[in-house]
């Protein structure tokens, strides 16, 4: 099963080809590639899979996805963004 997790971009660096960013997943911050979402910027929500942000989503959609992941037991309650 493939699983993409929503997170908020908190920092970006690099150019167009090697654009990277730090994404906050409810307190856990990971560095991810932003190459597939060139329009995404700090404060935006993205879906991350295997270290790559694969799409941009709005905050309501990100929260709905996180709620479903917690409800299903896939994601721990404490990892939800405040």
Protein backbone atom coordinates (compact mmCIF):
# COMPACT_ATOMS: atom_id res chain seq x y z
CA UNK A 1 0.00 0.00 0.00
CA UNK A 2 1.26 3.47 -0.87
CA UNK A 3 0.57 6.25 1.57
CA UNK A 4 0.97 9.99 1.07
CA UNK A 5 0.94 12.12 4.21
CA UNK A 6 0.00 15.82 4.25
CA UNK A 7 2.36 18.30 5.84
CA UNK A 8 3.03 22.05 5.89
CA UNK A 9 6.13 23.51 4.22
CA UNK A 10 8.14 25.46 6.80
CA UNK A 11 11.27 26.21 4.77
CA UNK A 12 12.48 26.00 1.18
CA UNK A 13 15.94 26.05 -0.37
CA UNK A 14 17.64 25.38 -3.68
CA UNK A 15 16.81 26.18 -7.27
CA UNK A 16 14.27 24.91 -9.77
CA UNK A 17 15.90 21.54 -10.44
CA UNK A 18 16.97 20.61 -6.91
CA UNK A 19 14.36 22.48 -4.88
CA UNK A 20 14.10 21.05 -1.37
CA UNK A 21 12.07 21.98 1.66
CA UNK A 22 11.43 21.15 5.27
CA UNK A 23 7.90 19.88 5.86
CA UNK A 24 6.22 19.72 9.26
CA UNK A 25 4.08 16.66 9.94
CA UNK A 26 2.55 17.69 13.27
CA UNK A 27 5.85 18.39 14.99
CA UNK A 28 8.02 15.98 13.04
CA UNK A 29 10.00 17.87 10.39
CA UNK A 30 11.54 16.10 7.41
CA UNK A 31 13.46 17.32 4.38
CA UNK A 32 11.63 16.52 1.13
CA UNK A 33 12.03 17.20 -2.56
CA UNK A 34 9.75 19.94 -3.89
CA UNK A 35 10.64 19.29 -7.55
CA UNK A 36 7.13 18.09 -8.43
CA UNK A 37 5.36 21.08 -6.83
CA UNK A 38 7.25 24.14 -8.13
CA UNK A 39 4.42 26.50 -7.14
CA UNK A 40 4.36 25.39 -3.48
CA UNK A 41 5.89 27.78 -0.93
CA UNK A 42 6.30 28.22 2.82
CA UNK A 43 2.96 27.79 4.58
CA UNK A 44 1.44 25.61 1.86
CA UNK A 45 0.31 22.04 2.45
CA UNK A 46 1.65 19.20 0.31
CA UNK A 47 1.16 15.45 0.10
CA UNK A 48 4.49 13.67 0.65
CA UNK A 49 5.32 10.13 -0.45
CA UNK A 50 8.77 8.51 -0.25
CA UNK A 51 10.52 11.84 0.34
CA UNK A 52 8.84 13.70 -2.53
CA UNK A 53 6.04 16.25 -2.32
CA UNK A 54 3.75 14.90 -5.06
CA UNK A 55 0.86 17.39 -4.92
CA UNK A 56 -0.32 20.54 -3.23
CA UNK A 57 -3.55 20.59 -1.19
CA UNK A 58 -5.43 23.23 0.74
CA UNK A 59 -5.45 23.25 4.53
CA UNK A 60 -8.99 21.84 4.81
CA UNK A 61 -8.15 18.86 2.60
CA UNK A 62 -4.90 18.25 4.51
CA UNK A 63 -6.76 18.29 7.84
CA UNK A 64 -9.46 15.96 6.54
CA UNK A 65 -6.82 13.49 5.36
CA UNK A 66 -4.97 13.65 8.69
CA UNK A 67 -8.23 13.08 10.58
CA UNK A 68 -8.98 10.00 8.47
CA UNK A 69 -5.47 8.62 8.99
CA UNK A 70 -5.80 9.06 12.77
CA UNK A 71 -9.31 7.59 12.81
CA UNK A 72 -8.17 4.52 10.89
CA UNK A 73 -5.23 4.01 13.25
CA UNK A 74 -2.58 4.52 10.57
CA UNK A 75 -1.31 7.74 12.10
CA UNK A 76 -0.94 8.34 15.84
CA UNK A 77 -3.12 11.04 17.40
CA UNK A 78 -0.10 12.93 18.71
CA UNK A 79 1.20 13.48 15.15
CA UNK A 80 -1.76 15.63 14.15
CA UNK A 81 -0.96 19.32 13.62
CA UNK A 82 -2.34 21.60 16.32
